[in-house]
Amino acid sequence: MMLYPPMKDLLKEIPSRYMLVNVVAQRARQIASEAESAGIPLDDKPVSMAIREVADGKIDVTTE
């Protein structure tokens, strides 16, 4: 099974695997919560949606 998008592409957006996991998990919970409160059924899993957002550069993570 191939991971899409590839890990190397995700790590271009977020430099640490550990940070990537935390960012994706937080965004996935947010997506699921927003869909539930709006009563919108999701066609895809929240984690998959969050990973695609990271790959597309839609999530801005700044490290201090």
Protein backbone atom coordinates (compact mmCIF):
# COMPACT_ATOMS: atom_id res chain seq x y z
CA MET A 1 0.00 0.00 0.00
CA MET A 2 1.43 3.35 -1.05
CA LEU A 3 1.02 6.41 1.09
CA TYR A 4 -0.43 9.33 -0.82
CA PRO A 5 0.74 11.98 -0.65
CA PRO A 6 4.28 10.65 -0.08
CA MET A 7 5.91 11.30 3.28
CA LYS A 8 8.70 13.31 1.64
CA ASP A 9 6.10 15.76 0.27
CA LEU A 10 4.47 16.11 3.68
CA LEU A 11 7.83 16.71 5.32
CA LYS A 12 8.46 19.60 2.93
CA GLU A 13 5.51 21.37 4.55
CA ILE A 14 6.16 20.31 8.16
CA PRO A 15 9.80 19.48 8.92
CA SER A 16 9.29 17.01 11.79
CA ARG A 17 7.39 13.72 11.69
CA TYR A 18 6.30 14.24 15.28
CA MET A 19 4.95 17.70 14.55
CA LEU A 20 3.26 16.34 11.42
CA VAL A 21 1.39 13.73 13.46
CA ASN A 22 0.25 16.34 15.97
CA VAL A 23 -0.83 18.84 13.32
CA VAL A 24 -2.75 16.22 11.32
CA ALA A 25 -4.44 14.81 14.43
CA GLN A 26 -5.48 18.27 15.64
CA ARG A 27 -6.84 19.27 12.22
CA ALA A 28 -8.66 15.93 11.84
CA ARG A 29 -10.41 16.44 15.18
CA GLN A 30 -11.36 19.95 14.10
CA ILE A 31 -12.76 18.71 10.77
CA ALA A 32 -14.79 15.98 12.49
CA SER A 33 -16.12 18.40 15.10
CA GLU A 34 -17.13 21.00 12.53
CA ALA A 35 -18.89 18.39 10.38
CA GLU A 36 -20.73 16.95 13.36
CA SER A 37 -21.93 20.31 14.65
CA ALA A 38 -23.08 21.32 11.16
CA GLY A 39 -24.72 17.94 10.55
CA ILE A 40 -22.69 17.39 7.40
CA PRO A 41 -21.78 13.78 6.54
CA LEU A 42 -18.16 13.35 5.50
CA ASP A 43 -17.34 11.47 2.31
CA ASP A 44 -13.77 10.86 3.44
CA LYS A 45 -12.05 10.23 6.76
CA PRO A 46 -11.03 13.37 8.66
CA VAL A 47 -7.39 12.20 8.85
CA SER A 48 -7.22 11.78 5.08
CA MET A 49 -8.69 15.24 4.61
CA ALA A 50 -6.17 16.74 7.05
CA ILE A 51 -3.24 15.02 5.32
CA ARG A 52 -4.35 16.41 1.96
CA GLU A 53 -4.59 19.90 3.46
CA VAL A 54 -1.01 19.61 4.71
CA ALA A 55 0.20 18.38 1.32
CA ASP A 56 -1.58 21.26 -0.43
CA GLY A 57 0.04 23.78 1.90
CA LYS A 58 -3.28 24.91 3.37
CA ILE A 59 -2.05 24.50 6.95
CA ASP A 60 0.51 27.02 8.12
CA VAL A 61 2.73 25.80 10.92
CA THR A 62 5.23 28.26 12.30
CA THR A 63 7.88 27.12 14.73
CA GLU A 64 9.25 29.55 17.24
